[in-house]
Amino acid sequence: MKSLSAAGAEQIRLDKFLSDYLPDLSRTQIKKIIQEGLVQVNQANAKPSLKLEGTESITYHIPKLDSAVTHIEPESIPLDILYEDEAIVAINKQPGLTVHPGVGKPNGTLVNGLANHFNTLSNVNGALRPGIVHRLDENTSGVILVAKTNKVHTALASQFESRSIQKEYFGITWGVWKDTVGTIDGAIKRKRSDPTTYEIESSGRAAQTRYKVINQGPYISAVSFFPKTGRTHQIRVHSASINHPIIGDGKYGGGANRAKGFIPEVTNSLRQIINTLGRHALHAKQITFDHPLTQLTTTIEAPIPKDISSIQVEKMHG
């Protein structure tokens, strides 16, 4: 963490003050790191709109951002297009495909593939994220919406912000769930010790996920998740927080190490599932939204891929 004094910044917004102090970062990037709890004013989290008094001590941490990438190179990356019209494209993103370039991943992303397939996409989120309204984790498969125009992008972004868009994910989790339906309510923030990881923390951003258990075996379960909010890693963090991490999710305690302690046959079966999968077992199955042009309620579904659907939770036995 780095520190600076707010001396001379009387009645200046925190995000404005930091964007002047850190000219290499955009105002949007500044706002994001504040919202993610990477900026403290007098050792407390603050909002971007906070008006400074000029006496505060500010500490901040800047994670590696996307500034290393300066342009998008079109690449011939296969895209599974679920739906397309003049306003939007819905892609069934394959696991292992990062949504947009960043530090350590300058190309080979969904955005590079989009640039190769489509002549015009929205640029509301900048030239480095054409069409991208929301995102999925690299190893989460499933449906993702892409906007062709700025007007459509803004309309969809508004629905995400108001939480009127309905999303359904399908996952395989560890353990037998005591309650087969319920809601996980826990604010999420980025870990200060590891900025690539998130955790439940009361000072974080509000997050809520409904769940419904579809099928259970003695060791693993198939679960539908319905996130009300869209925080980074939300389902993974929430499910892990109640001791049901997603199968294969080593970052949040769902990796092969969790297979220890069972009888050998069970341990071997669980490890084989994880090794064969090669990712965490989470899929964005369905999204429902109001189409920005027709105003009709529209649902797009991405079939559950075979690597997840082939896991037979009820047949796991020792």
C-alpha atoms as a PDB file:
ATOM      1  CA  MET A   1       0.000   0.000   0.000  1.00  0.00           C
ATOM      2  CA  LYS A   2       1.197   3.522  -0.825  1.00  0.00           C
ATOM      3  CA  SER A   3       0.293   6.617   1.171  1.00  0.00           C
ATOM      4  CA  LEU A   4      -0.283  10.277   0.424  1.00  0.00           C
ATOM      5  CA  SER A   5      -1.720  13.336   2.128  1.00  0.00           C
ATOM      6  CA  ALA A   6      -4.899  15.081   1.002  1.00  0.00           C
ATOM      7  CA  ALA A   7      -3.438  18.462   1.972  1.00  0.00           C
ATOM      8  CA  GLY A   8      -4.735  21.169  -0.345  1.00  0.00           C
ATOM      9  CA  ALA A   9      -7.660  19.031  -1.556  1.00  0.00           C
ATOM     10  CA  GLU A  10     -10.439  20.778   0.376  1.00  0.00           C
ATOM     11  CA  GLN A  11     -13.910  20.036  -1.094  1.00  0.00           C
ATOM     12  CA  ILE A  12     -12.461  17.954  -3.944  1.00  0.00           C
ATOM     13  CA  ARG A  13     -13.984  14.545  -4.664  1.00  0.00           C
ATOM     14  CA  LEU A  14     -11.800  11.570  -3.795  1.00  0.00           C
ATOM     15  CA  ASP A  15     -11.911  10.141  -7.328  1.00  0.00           C
ATOM     16  CA  LYS A  16     -11.048  13.545  -8.847  1.00  0.00           C
ATOM     17  CA  PHE A  17      -8.151  14.002  -6.405  1.00  0.00           C
ATOM     18  CA  LEU A  18      -6.721  10.555  -7.185  1.00  0.00           C
ATOM     19  CA  SER A  19      -7.148  10.922 -10.944  1.00  0.00           C
ATOM     20  CA  ASP A  20      -5.127  14.154 -10.785  1.00  0.00           C
ATOM     21  CA  TYR A  21      -2.504  12.478  -8.610  1.00  0.00           C
ATOM     22  CA  LEU A  22      -2.372   9.320 -10.764  1.00  0.00           C
ATOM     23  CA  PRO A  23      -2.645  10.639 -14.346  1.00  0.00           C
ATOM     24  CA  ASP A  24      -1.802   7.264 -15.909  1.00  0.00           C
ATOM     25  CA  LEU A  25      -5.135   5.871 -14.699  1.00  0.00           C
ATOM     26  CA  SER A  26      -8.513   6.763 -16.180  1.00  0.00           C
ATOM     27  CA  ARG A  27     -11.301   8.146 -13.978  1.00  0.00           C
ATOM     28  CA  THR A  28     -13.143   4.840 -14.511  1.00  0.00           C
ATOM     29  CA  GLN A  29     -10.148   2.834 -13.287  1.00  0.00           C
ATOM     30  CA  ILE A  30      -9.809   5.130 -10.257  1.00  0.00           C
ATOM     31  CA  LYS A  31     -13.498   4.683  -9.430  1.00  0.00           C
ATOM     32  CA  LYS A  32     -13.162   0.909  -9.712  1.00  0.00           C
ATOM     33  CA  ILE A  33     -10.220   0.577  -7.323  1.00  0.00           C
ATOM     34  CA  ILE A  34     -12.043   2.795  -4.789  1.00  0.00           C
ATOM     35  CA  GLN A  35     -15.213   0.688  -5.041  1.00  0.00           C
ATOM     36  CA  GLU A  36     -13.210  -2.499  -4.598  1.00  0.00           C
ATOM     37  CA  GLY A  37     -11.805  -1.306  -1.272  1.00  0.00           C
ATOM     38  CA  LEU A  38      -8.267  -0.710  -2.520  1.00  0.00           C
ATOM     39  CA  VAL A  39      -8.330   2.895  -1.312  1.00  0.00           C
ATOM     40  CA  GLN A  40      -8.653   3.908   2.356  1.00  0.00           C
ATOM     41  CA  VAL A  41      -9.210   7.381   3.720  1.00  0.00           C
ATOM     42  CA  ASN A  42      -8.010   7.575   7.338  1.00  0.00           C
ATOM     43  CA  GLN A  43      -7.854   3.749   7.276  1.00  0.00           C
ATOM     44  CA  ALA A  44     -11.513   3.386   6.250  1.00  0.00           C
ATOM     45  CA  ASN A  45     -13.126   2.551   2.912  1.00  0.00           C
ATOM     46  CA  ALA A  46     -14.747   5.489   1.142  1.00  0.00           C
ATOM     47  CA  LYS A  47     -16.963   6.261  -1.821  1.00  0.00           C
ATOM     48  CA  PRO A  48     -15.568   7.862  -5.006  1.00  0.00           C
ATOM     49  CA  SER A  49     -17.836  10.866  -4.363  1.00  0.00           C
ATOM     50  CA  LEU A  50     -16.387  11.589  -0.907  1.00  0.00           C
ATOM     51  CA  LYS A  51     -15.585  15.303  -0.527  1.00  0.00           C
ATOM     52  CA  LEU A  52     -12.164  15.643   1.080  1.00  0.00           C
ATOM     53  CA  GLU A  53     -11.442  18.117   3.877  1.00  0.00           C
ATOM     54  CA  GLY A  54      -7.715  18.349   3.110  1.00  0.00           C
ATOM     55  CA  THR A  55      -6.563  16.777   6.368  1.00  0.00           C
ATOM     56  CA  GLU A  56      -6.948  13.116   5.468  1.00  0.00           C
ATOM     57  CA  SER A  57      -4.343  10.422   5.026  1.00  0.00           C
ATOM     58  CA  ILE A  58      -5.007   8.292   1.937  1.00  0.00           C
ATOM     59  CA  THR A  59      -3.586   4.830   1.322  1.00  0.00           C
ATOM     60  CA  TYR A  60      -4.043   2.942  -1.932  1.00  0.00           C
ATOM     61  CA  HIS A  61      -3.045  -0.200  -3.794  1.00  0.00           C
ATOM     62  CA  ILE A  62      -3.147  -0.388  -7.585  1.00  0.00           C
ATOM     63  CA  PRO A  63      -3.439  -3.921  -8.979  1.00  0.00           C
ATOM     64  CA  LYS A  64      -2.053  -4.695 -12.394  1.00  0.00           C
ATOM     65  CA  LEU A  65      -4.460  -3.036 -14.811  1.00  0.00           C
ATOM     66  CA  ASP A  66      -5.131  -3.362 -18.511  1.00  0.00           C
ATOM     67  CA  SER A  67      -2.954  -0.422 -19.541  1.00  0.00           C
ATOM     68  CA  ALA A  68      -0.285  -2.771 -20.936  1.00  0.00           C
ATOM     69  CA  VAL A  69      -2.589  -3.509 -23.882  1.00  0.00           C
ATOM     70  CA  THR A  70      -2.837  -0.605 -26.313  1.00  0.00           C
ATOM     71  CA  HIS A  71      -4.953  -2.044 -29.123  1.00  0.00           C
ATOM     72  CA  ILE A  72      -7.074  -5.057 -30.034  1.00  0.00           C
ATOM     73  CA  GLU A  73      -5.677  -7.415 -32.643  1.00  0.00           C
ATOM     74  CA  PRO A  74      -8.433  -9.324 -34.504  1.00  0.00           C
ATOM     75  CA  GLU A  75      -7.898 -13.079 -34.177  1.00  0.00           C
ATOM     76  CA  SER A  76      -9.627 -16.074 -35.714  1.00  0.00           C
ATOM     77  CA  ILE A  77     -11.019 -17.514 -32.487  1.00  0.00           C
ATOM     78  CA  PRO A  78     -14.040 -19.839 -32.812  1.00  0.00           C
ATOM     79  CA  LEU A  79     -17.200 -18.271 -31.405  1.00  0.00           C
ATOM     80  CA  ASP A  80     -20.316 -20.264 -30.511  1.00  0.00           C
ATOM     81  CA  ILE A  81     -23.021 -17.723 -31.377  1.00  0.00           C
ATOM     82  CA  LEU A  82     -26.290 -18.519 -29.597  1.00  0.00           C
ATOM     83  CA  TYR A  83     -28.222 -15.502 -30.911  1.00  0.00           C
ATOM     84  CA  GLU A  84     -27.614 -12.455 -33.070  1.00  0.00           C
ATOM     85  CA  ASP A  85     -29.639  -9.505 -34.403  1.00  0.00           C
ATOM     86  CA  GLU A  86     -28.856  -5.881 -35.272  1.00  0.00           C
ATOM     87  CA  ALA A  87     -28.545  -4.945 -31.602  1.00  0.00           C
ATOM     88  CA  ILE A  88     -26.898  -7.759 -29.690  1.00  0.00           C
ATOM     89  CA  VAL A  89     -24.891 -10.957 -29.941  1.00  0.00           C
ATOM     90  CA  ALA A  90     -25.071 -13.748 -27.373  1.00  0.00           C
ATOM     91  CA  ILE A  91     -21.974 -15.950 -27.190  1.00  0.00           C
ATOM     92  CA  ASN A  92     -21.615 -19.317 -25.493  1.00  0.00           C
ATOM     93  CA  LYS A  93     -18.132 -18.713 -24.090  1.00  0.00           C
ATOM     94  CA  GLN A  94     -15.923 -21.763 -23.854  1.00  0.00           C
ATOM     95  CA  PRO A  95     -13.990 -22.434 -20.628  1.00  0.00           C
ATOM     96  CA  GLY A  96     -10.401 -21.204 -20.661  1.00  0.00           C
ATOM     97  CA  LEU A  97     -11.236 -18.146 -22.763  1.00  0.00           C
ATOM     98  CA  THR A  98     -10.537 -14.815 -21.055  1.00  0.00           C
ATOM     99  CA  VAL A  99     -13.106 -12.131 -21.907  1.00  0.00           C
ATOM    100  CA  HIS A 100     -10.732  -9.232 -22.576  1.00  0.00           C
ATOM    101  CA  PRO A 101      -6.961  -8.603 -22.742  1.00  0.00           C
ATOM    102  CA  GLY A 102      -5.007  -7.517 -19.698  1.00  0.00           C
ATOM    103  CA  VAL A 103      -1.585  -7.734 -18.131  1.00  0.00           C
ATOM    104  CA  GLY A 104      -0.181 -11.182 -18.864  1.00  0.00           C
ATOM    105  CA  LYS A 105      -2.901 -11.865 -21.425  1.00  0.00           C
ATOM    106  CA  PRO A 106      -2.431  -9.402 -24.313  1.00  0.00           C
ATOM    107  CA  ASN A 107      -4.349 -11.484 -26.866  1.00  0.00           C
ATOM    108  CA  GLY A 108      -6.196 -14.748 -27.461  1.00  0.00           C
ATOM    109  CA  THR A 109      -9.314 -13.416 -25.712  1.00  0.00           C
ATOM    110  CA  LEU A 110     -13.016 -13.258 -26.543  1.00  0.00           C
ATOM    111  CA  VAL A 111     -12.568  -9.601 -27.493  1.00  0.00           C
ATOM    112  CA  ASN A 112      -9.913 -10.541 -30.066  1.00  0.00           C
ATOM    113  CA  GLY A 113     -12.361 -13.026 -31.559  1.00  0.00           C
ATOM    114  CA  LEU A 114     -15.192 -10.487 -31.557  1.00  0.00           C
ATOM    115  CA  ALA A 115     -12.999  -7.957 -33.365  1.00  0.00           C
ATOM    116  CA  ASN A 116     -12.413 -10.542 -36.081  1.00  0.00           C
ATOM    117  CA  HIS A 117     -16.078 -11.526 -36.454  1.00  0.00           C
ATOM    118  CA  PHE A 118     -17.925  -8.191 -36.211  1.00  0.00           C
ATOM    119  CA  ASN A 119     -17.319  -4.872 -37.942  1.00  0.00           C
ATOM    120  CA  THR A 120     -19.034  -2.649 -35.404  1.00  0.00           C
ATOM    121  CA  LEU A 121     -19.419  -3.086 -31.663  1.00  0.00           C
ATOM    122  CA  SER A 122     -20.071  -0.638 -28.844  1.00  0.00           C
ATOM    123  CA  ASN A 123     -17.130   1.277 -27.372  1.00  0.00           C
ATOM    124  CA  VAL A 124     -18.759   2.518 -24.169  1.00  0.00           C
ATOM    125  CA  ASN A 125     -16.147   0.629 -22.122  1.00  0.00           C
ATOM    126  CA  GLY A 126     -13.324   1.871 -24.321  1.00  0.00           C
ATOM    127  CA  ALA A 127     -11.590   0.628 -27.440  1.00  0.00           C
ATOM    128  CA  LEU A 128     -10.009  -2.288 -25.554  1.00  0.00           C
ATOM    129  CA  ARG A 129     -13.375  -3.811 -24.591  1.00  0.00           C
ATOM    130  CA  PRO A 130     -15.587  -3.506 -27.666  1.00  0.00           C
ATOM    131  CA  GLY A 131     -19.121  -4.763 -27.064  1.00  0.00           C
ATOM    132  CA  ILE A 132     -18.401  -6.014 -23.547  1.00  0.00           C
ATOM    133  CA  VAL A 133     -21.298  -5.218 -21.198  1.00  0.00           C
ATOM    134  CA  HIS A 134     -20.522  -7.837 -18.531  1.00  0.00           C
ATOM    135  CA  ARG A 135     -18.001 -10.628 -18.114  1.00  0.00           C
ATOM    136  CA  LEU A 136     -17.465 -14.217 -17.035  1.00  0.00           C
ATOM    137  CA  ASP A 137     -14.427 -15.662 -15.279  1.00  0.00           C
ATOM    138  CA  GLU A 138     -11.895 -17.300 -17.594  1.00  0.00           C
ATOM    139  CA  ASN A 139     -12.861 -20.843 -16.573  1.00  0.00           C
ATOM    140  CA  THR A 140     -16.608 -20.221 -16.303  1.00  0.00           C
ATOM    141  CA  SER A 141     -18.396 -21.237 -19.497  1.00  0.00           C
ATOM    142  CA  GLY A 142     -21.735 -20.010 -20.775  1.00  0.00           C
ATOM    143  CA  VAL A 143     -23.811 -17.169 -22.121  1.00  0.00           C
ATOM    144  CA  ILE A 144     -22.427 -13.651 -22.369  1.00  0.00           C
ATOM    145  CA  LEU A 145     -24.123 -10.672 -24.026  1.00  0.00           C
ATOM    146  CA  VAL A 146     -22.301  -8.380 -26.474  1.00  0.00           C
ATOM    147  CA  ALA A 147     -23.659  -4.989 -27.572  1.00  0.00           C
ATOM    148  CA  LYS A 148     -23.330  -3.830 -31.180  1.00  0.00           C
ATOM    149  CA  THR A 149     -24.087  -0.136 -30.549  1.00  0.00           C
ATOM    150  CA  ASN A 150     -23.504   2.331 -27.729  1.00  0.00           C
ATOM    151  CA  LYS A 151     -27.239   2.923 -27.321  1.00  0.00           C
ATOM    152  CA  VAL A 152     -27.872  -0.796 -26.836  1.00  0.00           C
ATOM    153  CA  HIS A 153     -24.841  -1.094 -24.537  1.00  0.00           C
ATOM    154  CA  THR A 154     -26.136   1.722 -22.313  1.00  0.00           C
ATOM    155  CA  ALA A 155     -29.613   0.161 -22.157  1.00  0.00           C
ATOM    156  CA  LEU A 156     -28.223  -3.249 -21.159  1.00  0.00           C
ATOM    157  CA  ALA A 157     -25.799  -1.730 -18.650  1.00  0.00           C
ATOM    158  CA  SER A 158     -28.734   0.074 -17.044  1.00  0.00           C
ATOM    159  CA  GLN A 159     -30.552  -3.240 -16.605  1.00  0.00           C
ATOM    160  CA  PHE A 160     -27.477  -4.805 -15.006  1.00  0.00           C
ATOM    161  CA  GLU A 161     -27.148  -1.811 -12.683  1.00  0.00           C
ATOM    162  CA  SER A 162     -30.807  -1.949 -11.643  1.00  0.00           C
ATOM    163  CA  ARG A 163     -30.487  -5.733 -11.187  1.00  0.00           C
ATOM    164  CA  SER A 164     -33.462  -6.403 -13.432  1.00  0.00           C
ATOM    165  CA  ILE A 165     -31.492  -8.886 -15.549  1.00  0.00           C
ATOM    166  CA  GLN A 166     -32.017 -12.449 -14.352  1.00  0.00           C
ATOM    167  CA  LYS A 167     -29.127 -14.901 -14.525  1.00  0.00           C
ATOM    168  CA  GLU A 168     -28.979 -18.613 -13.831  1.00  0.00           C
ATOM    169  CA  TYR A 169     -25.768 -20.583 -13.362  1.00  0.00           C
ATOM    170  CA  PHE A 170     -25.301 -24.329 -13.010  1.00  0.00           C
ATOM    171  CA  GLY A 171     -22.538 -25.693 -10.826  1.00  0.00           C
ATOM    172  CA  ILE A 172     -21.246 -28.855  -9.168  1.00  0.00           C
ATOM    173  CA  THR A 173     -20.298 -28.244  -5.544  1.00  0.00           C
ATOM    174  CA  TRP A 174     -18.654 -30.120  -2.740  1.00  0.00           C
ATOM    175  CA  GLY A 175     -20.773 -31.615   0.015  1.00  0.00           C
ATOM    176  CA  VAL A 176     -24.396 -32.306   0.867  1.00  0.00           C
ATOM    177  CA  TRP A 177     -26.482 -29.161   1.342  1.00  0.00           C
ATOM    178  CA  LYS A 178     -28.551 -28.985   4.516  1.00  0.00           C
ATOM    179  CA  ASP A 179     -31.013 -26.530   2.960  1.00  0.00           C
ATOM    180  CA  THR A 180     -31.912 -27.317  -0.638  1.00  0.00           C
ATOM    181  CA  VAL A 181     -33.123 -23.763  -1.345  1.00  0.00           C
ATOM    182  CA  GLY A 182     -31.930 -20.519   0.156  1.00  0.00           C
ATOM    183  CA  THR A 183     -30.075 -17.241  -0.209  1.00  0.00           C
ATOM    184  CA  ILE A 184     -26.441 -16.433   0.504  1.00  0.00           C
ATOM    185  CA  ASP A 185     -26.092 -12.801   1.549  1.00  0.00           C
ATOM    186  CA  GLY A 186     -22.545 -11.577   2.085  1.00  0.00           C
ATOM    187  CA  ALA A 187     -20.678  -8.435   1.034  1.00  0.00           C
ATOM    188  CA  ILE A 188     -17.600  -9.136  -1.101  1.00  0.00           C
ATOM    189  CA  LYS A 189     -14.317  -7.297  -1.389  1.00  0.00           C
ATOM    190  CA  ARG A 190     -10.918  -7.898  -2.915  1.00  0.00           C
ATOM    191  CA  LYS A 191      -8.359  -9.451  -0.564  1.00  0.00           C
ATOM    192  CA  ARG A 192      -5.657  -6.971   0.339  1.00  0.00           C
ATOM    193  CA  SER A 193      -3.083  -9.764   0.657  1.00  0.00           C
ATOM    194  CA  ASP A 194      -3.956 -11.174  -2.787  1.00  0.00           C
ATOM    195  CA  PRO A 195      -5.725  -8.794  -5.208  1.00  0.00           C
ATOM    196  CA  THR A 196      -6.710 -11.695  -7.502  1.00  0.00           C
ATOM    197  CA  THR A 197      -8.869 -13.228  -4.754  1.00  0.00           C
ATOM    198  CA  TYR A 198     -12.101 -12.029  -3.148  1.00  0.00           C
ATOM    199  CA  GLU A 199     -13.605 -12.659   0.271  1.00  0.00           C
ATOM    200  CA  ILE A 200     -16.714 -12.107   2.391  1.00  0.00           C
ATOM    201  CA  GLU A 201     -16.164  -8.881   4.295  1.00  0.00           C
ATOM    202  CA  SER A 202     -18.790  -6.579   5.809  1.00  0.00           C
ATOM    203  CA  SER A 203     -17.027  -3.501   4.423  1.00  0.00           C
ATOM    204  CA  GLY A 204     -17.211  -4.877   0.874  1.00  0.00           C
ATOM    205  CA  ARG A 205     -19.877  -4.422  -1.800  1.00  0.00           C
ATOM    206  CA  ALA A 206     -23.308  -5.941  -1.152  1.00  0.00           C
ATOM    207  CA  ALA A 207     -23.804  -9.311  -2.859  1.00  0.00           C
ATOM    208  CA  GLN A 208     -26.683 -11.772  -2.866  1.00  0.00           C
ATOM    209  CA  THR A 209     -27.085 -15.200  -4.471  1.00  0.00           C
ATOM    210  CA  ARG A 210     -30.144 -17.456  -4.395  1.00  0.00           C
ATOM    211  CA  TYR A 211     -29.588 -21.172  -4.869  1.00  0.00           C
ATOM    212  CA  LYS A 212     -31.576 -24.340  -5.472  1.00  0.00           C
ATOM    213  CA  VAL A 213     -30.064 -27.804  -5.120  1.00  0.00           C
ATOM    214  CA  ILE A 214     -30.970 -29.915  -8.160  1.00  0.00           C
ATOM    215  CA  ASN A 215     -29.424 -33.244  -7.244  1.00  0.00           C
ATOM    216  CA  GLN A 216     -27.281 -34.578  -4.427  1.00  0.00           C
ATOM    217  CA  GLY A 217     -25.016 -37.544  -3.950  1.00  0.00           C
ATOM    218  CA  PRO A 218     -23.162 -38.480  -0.791  1.00  0.00           C
ATOM    219  CA  TYR A 219     -20.168 -36.254  -1.621  1.00  0.00           C
ATOM    220  CA  ILE A 220     -21.042 -33.704  -4.319  1.00  0.00           C
ATOM    221  CA  SER A 221     -24.146 -31.812  -5.457  1.00  0.00           C
ATOM    222  CA  ALA A 222     -25.588 -30.207  -8.587  1.00  0.00           C
ATOM    223  CA  VAL A 223     -26.860 -26.697  -7.839  1.00  0.00           C
ATOM    224  CA  SER A 224     -28.560 -23.846  -9.705  1.00  0.00           C
ATOM    225  CA  PHE A 225     -27.428 -20.355  -8.665  1.00  0.00           C
ATOM    226  CA  PHE A 226     -29.348 -17.124  -9.259  1.00  0.00           C
ATOM    227  CA  PRO A 227     -27.082 -14.143  -8.497  1.00  0.00           C
ATOM    228  CA  LYS A 228     -28.977 -10.940  -7.732  1.00  0.00           C
ATOM    229  CA  THR A 229     -25.783  -8.875  -7.918  1.00  0.00           C
ATOM    230  CA  GLY A 230     -22.818  -9.340 -10.251  1.00  0.00           C
ATOM    231  CA  ARG A 231     -19.670  -9.114  -8.158  1.00  0.00           C
ATOM    232  CA  THR A 232     -16.418 -10.636  -9.373  1.00  0.00           C
ATOM    233  CA  HIS A 233     -16.186 -14.333  -8.362  1.00  0.00           C
ATOM    234  CA  GLN A 234     -19.519 -13.914  -6.522  1.00  0.00           C
ATOM    235  CA  ILE A 235     -20.940 -17.427  -6.853  1.00  0.00           C
ATOM    236  CA  ARG A 236     -17.559 -19.018  -6.209  1.00  0.00           C
ATOM    237  CA  VAL A 237     -16.968 -16.941  -3.055  1.00  0.00           C
ATOM    238  CA  HIS A 238     -20.529 -17.307  -1.760  1.00  0.00           C
ATOM    239  CA  SER A 239     -20.701 -21.068  -2.270  1.00  0.00           C
ATOM    240  CA  ALA A 240     -17.294 -21.548  -0.643  1.00  0.00           C
ATOM    241  CA  SER A 241     -18.319 -19.327   2.296  1.00  0.00           C
ATOM    242  CA  ILE A 242     -20.878 -21.918   3.422  1.00  0.00           C
ATOM    243  CA  ASN A 243     -18.468 -24.825   2.941  1.00  0.00           C
ATOM    244  CA  HIS A 244     -19.702 -25.837  -0.523  1.00  0.00           C
ATOM    245  CA  PRO A 245     -16.949 -24.632  -2.898  1.00  0.00           C
ATOM    246  CA  ILE A 246     -17.317 -25.293  -6.602  1.00  0.00           C
ATOM    247  CA  ILE A 247     -15.692 -28.576  -7.685  1.00  0.00           C
ATOM    248  CA  GLY A 248     -12.299 -27.846  -9.271  1.00  0.00           C
ATOM    249  CA  ASP A 249     -12.061 -24.306  -7.857  1.00  0.00           C
ATOM    250  CA  GLY A 250      -8.660 -24.456  -6.194  1.00  0.00           C
ATOM    251  CA  LYS A 251      -8.611 -20.728  -5.497  1.00  0.00           C
ATOM    252  CA  TYR A 252     -11.566 -21.048  -3.122  1.00  0.00           C
ATOM    253  CA  GLY A 253     -10.925 -24.432  -1.546  1.00  0.00           C
ATOM    254  CA  GLY A 254     -12.588 -26.662  -4.136  1.00  0.00           C
ATOM    255  CA  GLY A 255      -9.505 -28.231  -5.695  1.00  0.00           C
ATOM    256  CA  ALA A 256      -8.111 -31.769  -5.571  1.00  0.00           C
ATOM    257  CA  ASN A 257      -6.699 -31.285  -2.049  1.00  0.00           C
ATOM    258  CA  ARG A 258     -10.261 -31.375  -0.728  1.00  0.00           C
ATOM    259  CA  ALA A 259     -10.539 -35.016  -1.857  1.00  0.00           C
ATOM    260  CA  LYS A 260      -8.221 -36.103   0.978  1.00  0.00           C
ATOM    261  CA  GLY A 261      -9.686 -37.913   3.921  1.00  0.00           C
ATOM    262  CA  PHE A 262     -12.229 -40.076   2.146  1.00  0.00           C
ATOM    263  CA  ILE A 263     -11.817 -43.797   1.599  1.00  0.00           C
ATOM    264  CA  PRO A 264      -9.337 -44.394  -1.258  1.00  0.00           C
ATOM    265  CA  GLU A 265     -11.972 -45.272  -3.879  1.00  0.00           C
ATOM    266  CA  VAL A 266     -13.861 -42.021  -3.243  1.00  0.00           C
ATOM    267  CA  THR A 267     -10.699 -39.910  -3.133  1.00  0.00           C
ATOM    268  CA  ASN A 268      -9.564 -41.357  -6.454  1.00  0.00           C
ATOM    269  CA  SER A 269     -12.974 -40.823  -8.076  1.00  0.00           C
ATOM    270  CA  LEU A 270     -13.167 -37.209  -6.913  1.00  0.00           C
ATOM    271  CA  ARG A 271      -9.637 -36.443  -8.070  1.00  0.00           C
ATOM    272  CA  GLN A 272     -10.355 -38.030 -11.427  1.00  0.00           C
ATOM    273  CA  ILE A 273     -13.407 -35.798 -11.860  1.00  0.00           C
ATOM    274  CA  ILE A 274     -11.342 -32.700 -11.077  1.00  0.00           C
ATOM    275  CA  ASN A 275      -8.398 -33.704 -13.270  1.00  0.00           C
ATOM    276  CA  THR A 276     -10.664 -34.578 -16.200  1.00  0.00           C
ATOM    277  CA  LEU A 277     -12.586 -31.323 -15.808  1.00  0.00           C
ATOM    278  CA  GLY A 278      -9.477 -29.146 -15.732  1.00  0.00           C
ATOM    279  CA  ARG A 279     -11.421 -26.122 -14.501  1.00  0.00           C
ATOM    280  CA  HIS A 280     -14.080 -25.180 -11.960  1.00  0.00           C
ATOM    281  CA  ALA A 281     -17.509 -26.710 -12.612  1.00  0.00           C
ATOM    282  CA  LEU A 282     -19.526 -23.529 -13.154  1.00  0.00           C
ATOM    283  CA  HIS A 283     -21.590 -22.595 -16.221  1.00  0.00           C
ATOM    284  CA  ALA A 284     -23.654 -19.495 -17.019  1.00  0.00           C
ATOM    285  CA  LYS A 285     -26.725 -21.358 -18.204  1.00  0.00           C
ATOM    286  CA  GLN A 286     -29.317 -18.662 -18.882  1.00  0.00           C
ATOM    287  CA  ILE A 287     -29.867 -14.912 -19.032  1.00  0.00           C
ATOM    288  CA  THR A 288     -33.184 -13.042 -19.242  1.00  0.00           C
ATOM    289  CA  PHE A 289     -33.422  -9.353 -20.121  1.00  0.00           C
ATOM    290  CA  ASP A 290     -35.614  -6.766 -21.840  1.00  0.00           C
ATOM    291  CA  HIS A 291     -34.433  -6.447 -25.434  1.00  0.00           C
ATOM    292  CA  PRO A 292     -33.275  -2.821 -25.892  1.00  0.00           C
ATOM    293  CA  LEU A 293     -34.998  -2.487 -29.308  1.00  0.00           C
ATOM    294  CA  THR A 294     -38.160  -4.608 -29.066  1.00  0.00           C
ATOM    295  CA  GLN A 295     -38.643  -4.186 -25.274  1.00  0.00           C
ATOM    296  CA  LEU A 296     -39.661  -7.856 -25.237  1.00  0.00           C
ATOM    297  CA  THR A 297     -38.523 -10.083 -22.397  1.00  0.00           C
ATOM    298  CA  THR A 298     -35.820 -12.233 -23.975  1.00  0.00           C
ATOM    299  CA  THR A 299     -34.254 -15.410 -22.600  1.00  0.00           C
ATOM    300  CA  ILE A 300     -31.090 -16.953 -24.027  1.00  0.00           C
ATOM    301  CA  GLU A 301     -29.820 -20.308 -22.835  1.00  0.00           C
ATOM    302  CA  ALA A 302     -26.436 -21.984 -23.243  1.00  0.00           C
ATOM    303  CA  PRO A 303     -26.528 -25.793 -23.019  1.00  0.00           C
ATOM    304  CA  ILE A 304     -24.572 -27.259 -20.121  1.00  0.00           C
ATOM    305  CA  PRO A 305     -21.296 -28.520 -21.635  1.00  0.00           C
ATOM    306  CA  LYS A 306     -20.432 -32.203 -21.513  1.00  0.00           C
ATOM    307  CA  ASP A 307     -17.476 -31.754 -19.159  1.00  0.00           C
ATOM    308  CA  ILE A 308     -19.941 -30.693 -16.444  1.00  0.00           C
ATOM    309  CA  SER A 309     -23.118 -32.537 -17.486  1.00  0.00           C
ATOM    310  CA  SER A 310     -21.252 -35.858 -17.540  1.00  0.00           C
ATOM    311  CA  ILE A 311     -20.536 -35.638 -13.785  1.00  0.00           C
ATOM    312  CA  GLN A 312     -23.078 -37.951 -12.162  1.00  0.00           C
ATOM    313  CA  VAL A 313     -23.336 -36.742  -8.584  1.00  0.00           C
ATOM    314  CA  GLU A 314     -25.763 -39.399  -7.384  1.00  0.00           C
ATOM    315  CA  LYS A 315     -23.554 -42.253  -8.587  1.00  0.00           C
ATOM    316  CA  MET A 316     -20.575 -41.151  -6.523  1.00  0.00           C
ATOM    317  CA  HIS A 317     -20.165 -43.830  -3.863  1.00  0.00           C
ATOM    318  CA  GLY A 318     -17.509 -45.507  -1.886  1.00  0.00           C
END
